[in-house]
């Protein structure tokens, strides 16, 4: 296996991916991302790492900007999503949707922790 191919998935990892699809997430591809699985919903994107028999979020959840993943940062005292030279203002509605995406993703990836 080369570094550009994702590892083979276990049955449990496949089950997690099926739960993501049932919850309305889509598997997508991003430029320069080969090792991680990528899911998108409502314009938000997360890279997933299928390692150690689990599926976990790799890095930070972001916002889809063209072929890339805009990261939430603070610039000049305001929150924005940034990818290369592109910037999108993180409006209150966008931030609410961002938090909802993260919570929904966590509920699917870690169902036992969301029941507590």
C-alpha atoms as a PDB file:
ATOM      1  CA  UNK A   1       0.000   0.000   0.000  1.00  0.00           C
ATOM      2  CA  UNK A   2       1.315   3.479  -0.873  1.00  0.00           C
ATOM      3  CA  UNK A   3       0.811   6.677   1.110  1.00  0.00           C
ATOM      4  CA  UNK A   4      -1.729   7.943  -1.428  1.00  0.00           C
ATOM      5  CA  UNK A   5      -4.144   5.067  -0.869  1.00  0.00           C
ATOM      6  CA  UNK A   6      -6.397   4.925   2.182  1.00  0.00           C
ATOM      7  CA  UNK A   7      -6.015   1.844   4.343  1.00  0.00           C
ATOM      8  CA  UNK A   8      -8.441  -1.039   4.004  1.00  0.00           C
ATOM      9  CA  UNK A   9     -11.459  -0.611   6.261  1.00  0.00           C
ATOM     10  CA  UNK A  10     -12.684  -2.950   8.959  1.00  0.00           C
ATOM     11  CA  UNK A  11     -16.337  -3.992   9.225  1.00  0.00           C
ATOM     12  CA  UNK A  12     -16.793  -1.568  12.148  1.00  0.00           C
ATOM     13  CA  UNK A  13     -15.349   1.305  10.114  1.00  0.00           C
ATOM     14  CA  UNK A  14     -17.647   0.432   7.208  1.00  0.00           C
ATOM     15  CA  UNK A  15     -20.576   0.423   9.635  1.00  0.00           C
ATOM     16  CA  UNK A  16     -19.618   3.925  10.810  1.00  0.00           C
ATOM     17  CA  UNK A  17     -19.445   5.170   7.224  1.00  0.00           C
ATOM     18  CA  UNK A  18     -22.869   3.667   6.526  1.00  0.00           C
ATOM     19  CA  UNK A  19     -24.258   5.537   9.567  1.00  0.00           C
ATOM     20  CA  UNK A  20     -22.763   8.764   8.212  1.00  0.00           C
ATOM     21  CA  UNK A  21     -24.447   8.214   4.846  1.00  0.00           C
ATOM     22  CA  UNK A  22     -27.799   7.457   6.523  1.00  0.00           C
ATOM     23  CA  UNK A  23     -27.430  10.702   8.512  1.00  0.00           C
ATOM     24  CA  UNK A  24     -27.151  12.669   5.255  1.00  0.00           C
ATOM     25  CA  UNK A  25     -23.380  13.079   5.015  1.00  0.00           C
ATOM     26  CA  UNK A  26     -21.774  12.591   1.600  1.00  0.00           C
ATOM     27  CA  UNK A  27     -18.367  11.137   0.830  1.00  0.00           C
ATOM     28  CA  UNK A  28     -16.462  13.673  -1.286  1.00  0.00           C
ATOM     29  CA  UNK A  29     -12.947  14.257  -2.534  1.00  0.00           C
ATOM     30  CA  UNK A  30     -10.754  17.258  -1.893  1.00  0.00           C
ATOM     31  CA  UNK A  31      -7.706  18.382  -3.798  1.00  0.00           C
ATOM     32  CA  UNK A  32      -4.513  17.021  -2.200  1.00  0.00           C
ATOM     33  CA  UNK A  33      -6.352  14.816   0.309  1.00  0.00           C
ATOM     34  CA  UNK A  34      -5.785  11.144  -0.442  1.00  0.00           C
ATOM     35  CA  UNK A  35      -5.142   9.394   2.856  1.00  0.00           C
ATOM     36  CA  UNK A  36      -8.222  10.619   4.736  1.00  0.00           C
ATOM     37  CA  UNK A  37     -11.855  10.018   3.945  1.00  0.00           C
ATOM     38  CA  UNK A  38     -13.781  13.275   3.500  1.00  0.00           C
ATOM     39  CA  UNK A  39     -17.436  13.863   4.388  1.00  0.00           C
ATOM     40  CA  UNK A  40     -19.579  16.885   3.625  1.00  0.00           C
ATOM     41  CA  UNK A  41     -22.967  18.093   4.732  1.00  0.00           C
ATOM     42  CA  UNK A  42     -24.488  21.529   4.332  1.00  0.00           C
ATOM     43  CA  UNK A  43     -21.254  22.939   2.932  1.00  0.00           C
ATOM     44  CA  UNK A  44     -19.169  21.840   5.903  1.00  0.00           C
ATOM     45  CA  UNK A  45     -16.403  19.302   5.501  1.00  0.00           C
ATOM     46  CA  UNK A  46     -14.467  16.978   7.790  1.00  0.00           C
ATOM     47  CA  UNK A  47     -11.488  14.805   7.019  1.00  0.00           C
ATOM     48  CA  UNK A  48     -11.784  11.430   8.705  1.00  0.00           C
ATOM     49  CA  UNK A  49      -8.891   9.221   9.730  1.00  0.00           C
ATOM     50  CA  UNK A  50      -9.653   5.480   9.530  1.00  0.00           C
ATOM     51  CA  UNK A  51      -6.881   4.369  11.867  1.00  0.00           C
ATOM     52  CA  UNK A  52      -6.701   1.982  14.786  1.00  0.00           C
ATOM     53  CA  UNK A  53      -9.950   0.262  13.847  1.00  0.00           C
ATOM     54  CA  UNK A  54     -11.908   3.492  14.419  1.00  0.00           C
ATOM     55  CA  UNK A  55     -12.943   6.508  12.371  1.00  0.00           C
ATOM     56  CA  UNK A  56     -12.091   9.877  13.901  1.00  0.00           C
ATOM     57  CA  UNK A  57     -11.956  13.488  12.773  1.00  0.00           C
ATOM     58  CA  UNK A  58      -8.534  14.403  11.415  1.00  0.00           C
ATOM     59  CA  UNK A  59      -7.663  18.020  12.130  1.00  0.00           C
ATOM     60  CA  UNK A  60     -10.317  20.704  12.207  1.00  0.00           C
ATOM     61  CA  UNK A  61     -13.748  20.713  10.602  1.00  0.00           C
ATOM     62  CA  UNK A  62     -13.991  23.358   7.904  1.00  0.00           C
ATOM     63  CA  UNK A  63     -16.148  24.985   5.267  1.00  0.00           C
ATOM     64  CA  UNK A  64     -16.039  23.891   1.622  1.00  0.00           C
ATOM     65  CA  UNK A  65     -14.428  26.621  -0.458  1.00  0.00           C
ATOM     66  CA  UNK A  66     -13.952  25.611  -4.080  1.00  0.00           C
ATOM     67  CA  UNK A  67     -11.771  22.495  -4.104  1.00  0.00           C
ATOM     68  CA  UNK A  68     -10.445  23.205  -0.627  1.00  0.00           C
ATOM     69  CA  UNK A  69     -11.240  23.255   3.045  1.00  0.00           C
ATOM     70  CA  UNK A  70     -11.636  26.686   4.637  1.00  0.00           C
ATOM     71  CA  UNK A  71     -10.487  26.766   8.253  1.00  0.00           C
ATOM     72  CA  UNK A  72     -12.214  28.888  10.878  1.00  0.00           C
ATOM     73  CA  UNK A  73      -9.784  31.531  12.143  1.00  0.00           C
ATOM     74  CA  UNK A  74      -9.948  34.943  13.752  1.00  0.00           C
ATOM     75  CA  UNK A  75      -8.682  37.930  11.769  1.00  0.00           C
ATOM     76  CA  UNK A  76      -8.875  41.532  12.864  1.00  0.00           C
ATOM     77  CA  UNK A  77     -11.179  40.571  15.726  1.00  0.00           C
ATOM     78  CA  UNK A  78     -13.718  38.684  13.612  1.00  0.00           C
ATOM     79  CA  UNK A  79     -14.158  35.049  12.687  1.00  0.00           C
ATOM     80  CA  UNK A  80     -13.719  34.004   9.065  1.00  0.00           C
ATOM     81  CA  UNK A  81     -13.245  30.829   7.038  1.00  0.00           C
ATOM     82  CA  UNK A  82      -9.994  30.951   5.051  1.00  0.00           C
ATOM     83  CA  UNK A  83      -8.593  28.815   2.249  1.00  0.00           C
ATOM     84  CA  UNK A  84      -5.505  30.159   0.467  1.00  0.00           C
ATOM     85  CA  UNK A  85      -6.385  33.747  -0.502  1.00  0.00           C
ATOM     86  CA  UNK A  86     -10.170  33.229  -0.196  1.00  0.00           C
ATOM     87  CA  UNK A  87     -12.049  34.476   2.870  1.00  0.00           C
ATOM     88  CA  UNK A  88     -15.695  34.034   3.857  1.00  0.00           C
ATOM     89  CA  UNK A  89     -17.141  35.882   6.853  1.00  0.00           C
ATOM     90  CA  UNK A  90     -18.341  33.535   9.590  1.00  0.00           C
ATOM     91  CA  UNK A  91     -21.798  34.988  10.158  1.00  0.00           C
ATOM     92  CA  UNK A  92     -23.770  33.971  13.248  1.00  0.00           C
ATOM     93  CA  UNK A  93     -25.909  31.689  11.041  1.00  0.00           C
ATOM     94  CA  UNK A  94     -22.834  30.077   9.521  1.00  0.00           C
ATOM     95  CA  UNK A  95     -21.267  29.587  12.962  1.00  0.00           C
ATOM     96  CA  UNK A  96     -24.484  27.980  14.247  1.00  0.00           C
ATOM     97  CA  UNK A  97     -24.505  25.614  11.261  1.00  0.00           C
ATOM     98  CA  UNK A  98     -20.796  24.882  11.855  1.00  0.00           C
ATOM     99  CA  UNK A  99     -21.451  23.912  15.485  1.00  0.00           C
ATOM    100  CA  UNK A 100     -24.455  21.810  14.439  1.00  0.00           C
ATOM    101  CA  UNK A 101     -22.320  19.966  11.854  1.00  0.00           C
ATOM    102  CA  UNK A 102     -19.639  19.212  14.457  1.00  0.00           C
ATOM    103  CA  UNK A 103     -22.199  17.958  16.982  1.00  0.00           C
ATOM    104  CA  UNK A 104     -23.984  15.798  14.414  1.00  0.00           C
ATOM    105  CA  UNK A 105     -20.689  14.332  13.201  1.00  0.00           C
ATOM    106  CA  UNK A 106     -19.623  13.547  16.769  1.00  0.00           C
ATOM    107  CA  UNK A 107     -22.979  11.878  17.479  1.00  0.00           C
ATOM    108  CA  UNK A 108     -22.440   9.525  14.548  1.00  0.00           C
ATOM    109  CA  UNK A 109     -18.753   8.840  15.177  1.00  0.00           C
ATOM    110  CA  UNK A 110     -19.065   8.510  18.956  1.00  0.00           C
ATOM    111  CA  UNK A 111     -22.650   7.371  19.646  1.00  0.00           C
ATOM    112  CA  UNK A 112     -21.861   6.169  23.168  1.00  0.00           C
ATOM    113  CA  UNK A 113     -20.483   9.556  24.295  1.00  0.00           C
ATOM    114  CA  UNK A 114     -23.469  11.484  22.919  1.00  0.00           C
ATOM    115  CA  UNK A 115     -25.892   9.438  25.050  1.00  0.00           C
ATOM    116  CA  UNK A 116     -24.274  10.487  28.329  1.00  0.00           C
END
